[in-house]
PDB file of all heavy atoms in Angstrom:
ATOM      1  N   TYR A   1       2.510   7.088   1.062  1.00  0.00           N
ATOM      2  CA  TYR A   1       2.490   7.289   2.505  1.00  0.00           C
ATOM      3  C   TYR A   1       1.849   8.632   2.777  1.00  0.00           C
ATOM      4  O   TYR A   1       2.120   9.606   2.073  1.00  0.00           O
ATOM      5  CB  TYR A   1       3.907   7.262   3.075  1.00  0.00           C
ATOM      6  CG  TYR A   1       3.973   7.580   4.555  1.00  0.00           C
ATOM      7  CD1 TYR A   1       3.685   6.612   5.506  1.00  0.00           C
ATOM      8  CD2 TYR A   1       4.314   8.868   4.991  1.00  0.00           C
ATOM      9  CE1 TYR A   1       3.729   6.913   6.855  1.00  0.00           C
ATOM     10  CE2 TYR A   1       4.359   9.173   6.333  1.00  0.00           C
ATOM     11  CZ  TYR A   1       4.077   8.192   7.266  1.00  0.00           C
ATOM     12  OH  TYR A   1       4.115   8.485   8.603  1.00  0.00           O
ATOM     13  N   SER A   2       0.983   8.686   3.784  1.00  0.00           N
ATOM     14  CA  SER A   2       0.375   9.944   4.216  1.00  0.00           C
ATOM     15  C   SER A   2       0.497  10.058   5.718  1.00  0.00           C
ATOM     16  O   SER A   2       0.336   9.069   6.444  1.00  0.00           O
ATOM     17  CB  SER A   2      -1.091  10.023   3.810  1.00  0.00           C
ATOM     18  OG  SER A   2      -1.222  10.139   2.409  1.00  0.00           O
ATOM     19  N   THR A   3       0.747  11.250   6.166  1.00  0.00           N
ATOM     20  CA  THR A   3       0.842  11.474   7.603  1.00  0.00           C
ATOM     21  C   THR A   3      -0.550  11.510   8.231  1.00  0.00           C
ATOM     22  O   THR A   3      -1.549  11.741   7.541  1.00  0.00           O
ATOM     23  CB  THR A   3       1.595  12.776   7.892  1.00  0.00           C
ATOM     24  OG1 THR A   3       0.913  13.851   7.220  1.00  0.00           O
ATOM     25  CG2 THR A   3       3.022  12.717   7.381  1.00  0.00           C
ATOM     26  N   ASP A   4      -0.597  11.290   9.524  1.00  0.00           N
ATOM     27  CA  ASP A   4      -1.884  11.195  10.215  1.00  0.00           C
ATOM     28  C   ASP A   4      -2.718  12.459  10.073  1.00  0.00           C
ATOM     29  O   ASP A   4      -3.951  12.398  10.062  1.00  0.00           O
ATOM     30  CB  ASP A   4      -1.656  10.890  11.699  1.00  0.00           C
ATOM     31  CG  ASP A   4      -1.180   9.466  11.930  1.00  0.00           C
ATOM     32  OD1 ASP A   4      -1.311   8.637  11.004  1.00  0.00           O
ATOM     33  OD2 ASP A   4      -0.660   9.197  13.030  1.00  0.00           O
ATOM     34  N   SER A   5      -2.051  13.603   9.951  1.00  0.00           N
ATOM     35  CA  SER A   5      -2.789  14.871   9.908  1.00  0.00           C
ATOM     36  C   SER A   5      -3.661  15.003   8.651  1.00  0.00           C
ATOM     37  O   SER A   5      -4.627  15.773   8.644  1.00  0.00           O
ATOM     38  CB  SER A   5      -1.815  16.051   9.986  1.00  0.00           C
ATOM     39  OG  SER A   5      -0.913  16.030   8.890  1.00  0.00           O
ATOM     40  N   VAL A   6      -3.332  14.249   7.595  1.00  0.00           N
ATOM     41  CA  VAL A   6      -4.093  14.380   6.347  1.00  0.00           C
ATOM     42  C   VAL A   6      -4.659  13.059   5.851  1.00  0.00           C
ATOM     43  O   VAL A   6      -5.390  13.032   4.856  1.00  0.00           O
ATOM     44  CB  VAL A   6      -3.249  15.028   5.237  1.00  0.00           C
ATOM     45  CG1 VAL A   6      -2.776  16.408   5.672  1.00  0.00           C
ATOM     46  CG2 VAL A   6      -2.082  14.144   4.841  1.00  0.00           C
ATOM     47  N   LYS A   7      -4.341  11.981   6.528  1.00  0.00           N
ATOM     48  CA  LYS A   7      -4.809  10.665   6.079  1.00  0.00           C
ATOM     49  C   LYS A   7      -6.329  10.639   6.031  1.00  0.00           C
ATOM     50  O   LYS A   7      -6.995  11.072   6.973  1.00  0.00           O
ATOM     51  CB  LYS A   7      -4.280   9.591   7.033  1.00  0.00           C
ATOM     52  CG  LYS A   7      -4.320   8.179   6.473  1.00  0.00           C
ATOM     53  CD  LYS A   7      -3.623   7.205   7.423  1.00  0.00           C
ATOM     54  CE  LYS A   7      -2.150   7.480   7.525  1.00  0.00           C
ATOM     55  NZ  LYS A   7      -1.445   6.490   8.380  1.00  0.00           N
ATOM     56  N   GLY A   8      -6.871  10.164   4.920  1.00  0.00           N
ATOM     57  CA  GLY A   8      -8.313  10.116   4.749  1.00  0.00           C
ATOM     58  C   GLY A   8      -8.900  11.379   4.141  1.00  0.00           C
ATOM     59  O   GLY A   8     -10.053  11.382   3.707  1.00  0.00           O
ATOM     60  N   ARG A   9      -8.130  12.463   4.105  1.00  0.00           N
ATOM     61  CA  ARG A   9      -8.609  13.719   3.509  1.00  0.00           C
ATOM     62  C   ARG A   9      -7.827  14.082   2.250  1.00  0.00           C
ATOM     63  O   ARG A   9      -8.395  14.610   1.299  1.00  0.00           O
ATOM     64  CB  ARG A   9      -8.500  14.874   4.505  1.00  0.00           C
ATOM     65  CG  ARG A   9      -9.341  14.705   5.749  1.00  0.00           C
ATOM     66  CD  ARG A   9      -9.393  16.008   6.560  1.00  0.00           C
ATOM     67  NE  ARG A   9      -8.062  16.432   6.994  1.00  0.00           N
ATOM     68  CZ  ARG A   9      -7.551  17.645   6.767  1.00  0.00           C
ATOM     69  NH1 ARG A   9      -8.240  18.549   6.084  1.00  0.00           N
ATOM     70  NH2 ARG A   9      -6.338  17.955   7.221  1.00  0.00           N
ATOM     71  N   PHE A  10      -6.522  13.834   2.243  1.00  0.00           N
ATOM     72  CA  PHE A  10      -5.661  14.183   1.111  1.00  0.00           C
ATOM     73  C   PHE A  10      -5.224  12.901   0.396  1.00  0.00           C
ATOM     74  O   PHE A  10      -4.919  11.889   1.050  1.00  0.00           O
ATOM     75  CB  PHE A  10      -4.414  14.920   1.586  1.00  0.00           C
ATOM     76  CG  PHE A  10      -4.647  16.293   2.154  1.00  0.00           C
ATOM     77  CD1 PHE A  10      -5.927  16.786   2.383  1.00  0.00           C
ATOM     78  CD2 PHE A  10      -3.570  17.094   2.487  1.00  0.00           C
ATOM     79  CE1 PHE A  10      -6.127  18.044   2.913  1.00  0.00           C
ATOM     80  CE2 PHE A  10      -3.745  18.361   3.014  1.00  0.00           C
ATOM     81  CZ  PHE A  10      -5.030  18.833   3.233  1.00  0.00           C
ATOM     82  N   THR A  11      -5.180  12.981  -0.936  1.00  0.00           N
ATOM     83  CA  THR A  11      -4.759  11.833  -1.736  1.00  0.00           C
ATOM     84  C   THR A  11      -3.717  12.272  -2.747  1.00  0.00           C
ATOM     85  O   THR A  11      -3.944  13.224  -3.506  1.00  0.00           O
ATOM     86  CB  THR A  11      -5.952  11.224  -2.481  1.00  0.00           C
ATOM     87  OG1 THR A  11      -6.967  10.854  -1.548  1.00  0.00           O
ATOM     88  CG2 THR A  11      -5.526   9.987  -3.266  1.00  0.00           C
ATOM     89  N   ILE A  12      -2.600  11.560  -2.791  1.00  0.00           N
ATOM     90  CA  ILE A  12      -1.544  11.863  -3.749  1.00  0.00           C
ATOM     91  C   ILE A  12      -1.659  10.910  -4.938  1.00  0.00           C
ATOM     92  O   ILE A  12      -2.006   9.743  -4.772  1.00  0.00           O
ATOM     93  CB  ILE A  12      -0.148  11.767  -3.093  1.00  0.00           C
ATOM     94  CG1 ILE A  12       0.930  12.335  -4.020  1.00  0.00           C
ATOM     95  CG2 ILE A  12       0.175  10.347  -2.657  1.00  0.00           C
ATOM     96  CD1 ILE A  12       2.283  12.511  -3.333  1.00  0.00           C
ATOM     97  N   SER A  13      -1.392  11.427  -6.125  1.00  0.00           N
ATOM     98  CA  SER A  13      -1.452  10.602  -7.333  1.00  0.00           C
ATOM     99  C   SER A  13      -0.546  11.228  -8.384  1.00  0.00           C
ATOM    100  O   SER A  13       0.063  12.273  -8.157  1.00  0.00           O
ATOM    101  CB  SER A  13      -2.889  10.505  -7.857  1.00  0.00           C
ATOM    102  OG  SER A  13      -3.354  11.783  -8.265  1.00  0.00           O
ATOM    103  N   GLY A  14      -0.463  10.577  -9.525  1.00  0.00           N
ATOM    104  CA  GLY A  14       0.364  11.114 -10.593  1.00  0.00           C
ATOM    105  C   GLY A  14      -0.093  10.650 -11.948  1.00  0.00           C
ATOM    106  O   GLY A  14      -0.815   9.656 -12.065  1.00  0.00           O
ATOM    107  N   ASP A  15       0.290  11.387 -12.969  1.00  0.00           N
ATOM    108  CA  ASP A  15       0.003  11.055 -14.363  1.00  0.00           C
ATOM    109  C   ASP A  15       1.334  11.068 -15.103  1.00  0.00           C
ATOM    110  O   ASP A  15       1.875  12.141 -15.396  1.00  0.00           O
ATOM    111  CB  ASP A  15      -0.976  12.084 -14.946  1.00  0.00           C
ATOM    112  CG  ASP A  15      -1.421  11.746 -16.347  1.00  0.00           C
ATOM    113  OD1 ASP A  15      -0.662  11.071 -17.075  1.00  0.00           O
ATOM    114  OD2 ASP A  15      -2.516  12.175 -16.736  1.00  0.00           O
ATOM    115  N   ASN A  16       1.855   9.880 -15.395  1.00  0.00           N
ATOM    116  CA  ASN A  16       3.164   9.803 -16.046  1.00  0.00           C
ATOM    117  C   ASN A  16       3.147  10.445 -17.435  1.00  0.00           C
ATOM    118  O   ASN A  16       4.144  11.047 -17.849  1.00  0.00           O
ATOM    119  CB  ASN A  16       3.607   8.344 -16.152  1.00  0.00           C
ATOM    120  CG  ASN A  16       4.157   7.821 -14.834  1.00  0.00           C
ATOM    121  OD1 ASN A  16       4.845   8.525 -14.112  1.00  0.00           O
ATOM    122  ND2 ASN A  16       3.826   6.585 -14.519  1.00  0.00           N
ATOM    123  N   ALA A  17       2.025  10.338 -18.126  1.00  0.00           N
ATOM    124  CA  ALA A  17       1.939  10.922 -19.466  1.00  0.00           C
ATOM    125  C   ALA A  17       2.077  12.447 -19.427  1.00  0.00           C
ATOM    126  O   ALA A  17       2.642  13.060 -20.338  1.00  0.00           O
ATOM    127  CB  ALA A  17       0.625  10.527 -20.131  1.00  0.00           C
ATOM    128  N   LYS A  18       1.562  13.054 -18.370  1.00  0.00           N
ATOM    129  CA  LYS A  18       1.653  14.512 -18.219  1.00  0.00           C
ATOM    130  C   LYS A  18       2.852  14.913 -17.354  1.00  0.00           C
ATOM    131  O   LYS A  18       3.093  16.100 -17.158  1.00  0.00           O
ATOM    132  CB  LYS A  18       0.368  15.062 -17.598  1.00  0.00           C
ATOM    133  CG  LYS A  18      -0.858  14.884 -18.482  1.00  0.00           C
ATOM    134  CD  LYS A  18      -2.096  15.488 -17.837  1.00  0.00           C
ATOM    135  CE  LYS A  18      -3.306  15.341 -18.748  1.00  0.00           C
ATOM    136  NZ  LYS A  18      -4.537  15.912 -18.143  1.00  0.00           N
ATOM    137  N   ASN A  19       3.563  13.899 -16.835  1.00  0.00           N
ATOM    138  CA  ASN A  19       4.715  14.162 -15.950  1.00  0.00           C
ATOM    139  C   ASN A  19       4.328  15.089 -14.799  1.00  0.00           C
ATOM    140  O   ASN A  19       5.062  16.018 -14.434  1.00  0.00           O
ATOM    141  CB  ASN A  19       5.893  14.749 -16.725  1.00  0.00           C
ATOM    142  CG  ASN A  19       7.226  14.188 -16.257  1.00  0.00           C
ATOM    143  OD1 ASN A  19       7.310  13.043 -15.792  1.00  0.00           O
ATOM    144  ND2 ASN A  19       8.270  14.983 -16.365  1.00  0.00           N
ATOM    145  N   THR A  20       3.153  14.824 -14.249  1.00  0.00           N
ATOM    146  CA  THR A  20       2.572  15.699 -13.223  1.00  0.00           C
ATOM    147  C   THR A  20       2.052  14.866 -12.060  1.00  0.00           C
ATOM    148  O   THR A  20       1.411  13.828 -12.268  1.00  0.00           O
ATOM    149  CB  THR A  20       1.428  16.542 -13.819  1.00  0.00           C
ATOM    150  OG1 THR A  20       1.944  17.366 -14.858  1.00  0.00           O
ATOM    151  CG2 THR A  20       0.786  17.423 -12.749  1.00  0.00           C
ATOM    152  N   ALA A  21       2.344  15.321 -10.854  1.00  0.00           N
ATOM    153  CA  ALA A  21       1.790  14.722  -9.647  1.00  0.00           C
ATOM    154  C   ALA A  21       0.720  15.648  -9.092  1.00  0.00           C
ATOM    155  O   ALA A  21       0.725  16.863  -9.358  1.00  0.00           O
ATOM    156  CB  ALA A  21       2.892  14.515  -8.616  1.00  0.00           C
ATOM    157  N   TYR A  22      -0.198  15.054  -8.345  1.00  0.00           N
ATOM    158  CA  TYR A  22      -1.329  15.824  -7.819  1.00  0.00           C
ATOM    159  C   TYR A  22      -1.508  15.566  -6.333  1.00  0.00           C
ATOM    160  O   TYR A  22      -1.121  14.511  -5.818  1.00  0.00           O
ATOM    161  CB  TYR A  22      -2.625  15.420  -8.536  1.00  0.00           C
ATOM    162  CG  TYR A  22      -2.576  15.582 -10.029  1.00  0.00           C
ATOM    163  CD1 TYR A  22      -2.314  14.488 -10.852  1.00  0.00           C
ATOM    164  CD2 TYR A  22      -2.783  16.826 -10.620  1.00  0.00           C
ATOM    165  CE1 TYR A  22      -2.262  14.634 -12.235  1.00  0.00           C
ATOM    166  CE2 TYR A  22      -2.729  16.976 -12.005  1.00  0.00           C
ATOM    167  CZ  TYR A  22      -2.463  15.879 -12.801  1.00  0.00           C
ATOM    168  OH  TYR A  22      -2.409  16.029 -14.158  1.00  0.00           O
ATOM    169  N   LEU A  23      -2.116  16.535  -5.656  1.00  0.00           N
ATOM    170  CA  LEU A  23      -2.568  16.342  -4.284  1.00  0.00           C
ATOM    171  C   LEU A  23      -4.023  16.787  -4.229  1.00  0.00           C
ATOM    172  O   LEU A  23      -4.309  17.985  -4.340  1.00  0.00           O
ATOM    173  CB  LEU A  23      -1.724  17.146  -3.290  1.00  0.00           C
ATOM    174  CG  LEU A  23      -2.090  16.906  -1.832  1.00  0.00           C
ATOM    175  CD1 LEU A  23      -1.695  15.474  -1.413  1.00  0.00           C
ATOM    176  CD2 LEU A  23      -1.407  17.919  -0.909  1.00  0.00           C
ATOM    177  N   GLN A  24      -4.915  15.824  -4.126  1.00  0.00           N
ATOM    178  CA  GLN A  24      -6.336  16.129  -3.976  1.00  0.00           C
ATOM    179  C   GLN A  24      -6.613  16.337  -2.503  1.00  0.00           C
ATOM    180  O   GLN A  24      -6.366  15.449  -1.688  1.00  0.00           O
ATOM    181  CB  GLN A  24      -7.192  14.979  -4.514  1.00  0.00           C
ATOM    182  CG  GLN A  24      -8.690  15.189  -4.334  1.00  0.00           C
ATOM    183  CD  GLN A  24      -9.221  16.344  -5.162  1.00  0.00           C
ATOM    184  OE1 GLN A  24      -8.860  16.492  -6.328  1.00  0.00           O
ATOM    185  NE2 GLN A  24     -10.081  17.151  -4.570  1.00  0.00           N
ATOM    186  N   MET A  25      -7.123  17.508  -2.166  1.00  0.00           N
ATOM    187  CA  MET A  25      -7.366  17.868  -0.768  1.00  0.00           C
ATOM    188  C   MET A  25      -8.863  18.070  -0.562  1.00  0.00           C
ATOM    189  O   MET A  25      -9.465  18.946  -1.200  1.00  0.00           O
ATOM    190  CB  MET A  25      -6.600  19.146  -0.411  1.00  0.00           C
ATOM    191  CG  MET A  25      -5.115  19.069  -0.709  1.00  0.00           C
ATOM    192  SD  MET A  25      -4.193  20.490  -0.085  1.00  0.00           S
ATOM    193  CE  MET A  25      -4.905  21.805  -1.060  1.00  0.00           C
ATOM    194  N   ASN A  26      -9.442  17.263   0.299  1.00  0.00           N
ATOM    195  CA  ASN A  26     -10.873  17.354   0.609  1.00  0.00           C
ATOM    196  C   ASN A  26     -11.068  17.699   2.079  1.00  0.00           C
ATOM    197  O   ASN A  26     -10.141  17.584   2.885  1.00  0.00           O
ATOM    198  CB  ASN A  26     -11.561  16.027   0.301  1.00  0.00           C
ATOM    199  CG  ASN A  26     -11.451  15.634  -1.165  1.00  0.00           C
ATOM    200  OD1 ASN A  26     -11.439  16.489  -2.051  1.00  0.00           O
ATOM    201  ND2 ASN A  26     -11.371  14.335  -1.430  1.00  0.00           N
ATOM    202  N   SER A  27     -12.276  18.115   2.399  1.00  0.00           N
ATOM    203  CA  SER A  27     -12.627  18.440   3.792  1.00  0.00           C
ATOM    204  C   SER A  27     -11.604  19.377   4.417  1.00  0.00           C
ATOM    205  O   SER A  27     -11.126  19.139   5.541  1.00  0.00           O
ATOM    206  CB  SER A  27     -12.745  17.138   4.624  1.00  0.00           C
ATOM    207  OG  SER A  27     -13.692  16.271   4.063  1.00  0.00           O
ATOM    208  N   LEU A  28     -11.288  20.436   3.703  1.00  0.00           N
ATOM    209  CA  LEU A  28     -10.248  21.356   4.169  1.00  0.00           C
ATOM    210  C   LEU A  28     -10.680  22.094   5.428  1.00  0.00           C
ATOM    211  O   LEU A  28     -11.861  22.423   5.608  1.00  0.00           O
ATOM    212  CB  LEU A  28      -9.885  22.331   3.062  1.00  0.00           C
ATOM    213  CG  LEU A  28      -9.000  21.718   1.968  1.00  0.00           C
ATOM    214  CD1 LEU A  28      -9.033  22.551   0.696  1.00  0.00           C
ATOM    215  CD2 LEU A  28      -7.573  21.574   2.461  1.00  0.00           C
ATOM    216  N   LYS A  29      -9.698  22.344   6.277  1.00  0.00           N
ATOM    217  CA  LYS A  29      -9.914  23.017   7.554  1.00  0.00           C
ATOM    218  C   LYS A  29      -9.082  24.294   7.603  1.00  0.00           C
ATOM    219  O   LYS A  29      -8.060  24.386   6.914  1.00  0.00           O
ATOM    220  CB  LYS A  29      -9.490  22.097   8.700  1.00  0.00           C
ATOM    221  CG  LYS A  29     -10.111  20.723   8.678  1.00  0.00           C
ATOM    222  CD  LYS A  29      -9.493  19.834   9.752  1.00  0.00           C
ATOM    223  CE  LYS A  29     -10.050  18.426   9.705  1.00  0.00           C
ATOM    224  NZ  LYS A  29      -9.436  17.564  10.750  1.00  0.00           N
ATOM    225  N   PRO A  30      -9.470  25.250   8.427  1.00  0.00           N
ATOM    226  CA  PRO A  30      -8.659  26.472   8.539  1.00  0.00           C
ATOM    227  C   PRO A  30      -7.195  26.174   8.896  1.00  0.00           C
ATOM    228  O   PRO A  30      -6.289  26.889   8.430  1.00  0.00           O
ATOM    229  CB  PRO A  30      -9.358  27.244   9.658  1.00  0.00           C
ATOM    230  CG  PRO A  30     -10.782  26.819   9.548  1.00  0.00           C
ATOM    231  CD  PRO A  30     -10.724  25.359   9.183  1.00  0.00           C
ATOM    232  N   GLU A  31      -6.954  25.129   9.676  1.00  0.00           N
ATOM    233  CA  GLU A  31      -5.579  24.800  10.052  1.00  0.00           C
ATOM    234  C   GLU A  31      -4.777  24.211   8.903  1.00  0.00           C
ATOM    235  O   GLU A  31      -3.574  23.970   9.039  1.00  0.00           O
ATOM    236  CB  GLU A  31      -5.554  23.842  11.256  1.00  0.00           C
ATOM    237  CG  GLU A  31      -6.418  22.613  11.106  1.00  0.00           C
ATOM    238  CD  GLU A  31      -7.793  22.772  11.752  1.00  0.00           C
ATOM    239  OE1 GLU A  31      -8.397  23.859  11.612  1.00  0.00           O
ATOM    240  OE2 GLU A  31      -8.252  21.792  12.380  1.00  0.00           O
ATOM    241  N   ASP A  32      -5.409  23.969   7.759  1.00  0.00           N
ATOM    242  CA  ASP A  32      -4.681  23.540   6.564  1.00  0.00           C
ATOM    243  C   ASP A  32      -4.078  24.733   5.815  1.00  0.00           C
ATOM    244  O   ASP A  32      -3.348  24.547   4.839  1.00  0.00           O
ATOM    245  CB  ASP A  32      -5.606  22.774   5.612  1.00  0.00           C
ATOM    246  CG  ASP A  32      -6.065  21.443   6.170  1.00  0.00           C
ATOM    247  OD1 ASP A  32      -5.242  20.735   6.782  1.00  0.00           O
ATOM    248  OD2 ASP A  32      -7.266  21.123   6.011  1.00  0.00           O
ATOM    249  N   THR A  33      -4.364  25.934   6.263  1.00  0.00           N
ATOM    250  CA  THR A  33      -3.807  27.126   5.615  1.00  0.00           C
ATOM    251  C   THR A  33      -2.297  27.137   5.729  1.00  0.00           C
ATOM    252  O   THR A  33      -1.736  27.024   6.820  1.00  0.00           O
ATOM    253  CB  THR A  33      -4.390  28.397   6.268  1.00  0.00           C
ATOM    254  OG1 THR A  33      -5.802  28.444   6.015  1.00  0.00           O
ATOM    255  CG2 THR A  33      -3.726  29.650   5.705  1.00  0.00           C
ATOM    256  N   ALA A  34      -1.630  27.245   4.577  1.00  0.00           N
ATOM    257  CA  ALA A  34      -0.167  27.182   4.538  1.00  0.00           C
ATOM    258  C   ALA A  34       0.292  27.379   3.097  1.00  0.00           C
ATOM    259  O   ALA A  34      -0.527  27.410   2.173  1.00  0.00           O
ATOM    260  CB  ALA A  34       0.335  25.842   5.049  1.00  0.00           C
ATOM    261  N   ILE A  35       1.590  27.490   2.923  1.00  0.00           N
ATOM    262  CA  ILE A  35       2.187  27.377   1.590  1.00  0.00           C
ATOM    263  C   ILE A  35       2.503  25.903   1.368  1.00  0.00           C
ATOM    264  O   ILE A  35       3.140  25.266   2.217  1.00  0.00           O
ATOM    265  CB  ILE A  35       3.452  28.231   1.443  1.00  0.00           C
ATOM    266  CG1 ILE A  35       3.115  29.707   1.687  1.00  0.00           C
ATOM    267  CG2 ILE A  35       4.054  28.060   0.046  1.00  0.00           C
ATOM    268  CD1 ILE A  35       4.325  30.620   1.677  1.00  0.00           C
TER     269      ILE A  35
END
């Protein structure tokens, strides 16, 4: 599930072998600045 503010720009995924999840963020905007 992705919220409207990031849908189409951010993609969540995971690698079970590495026990790691990822957030790929594309087309970043100044308003994406945050922790």
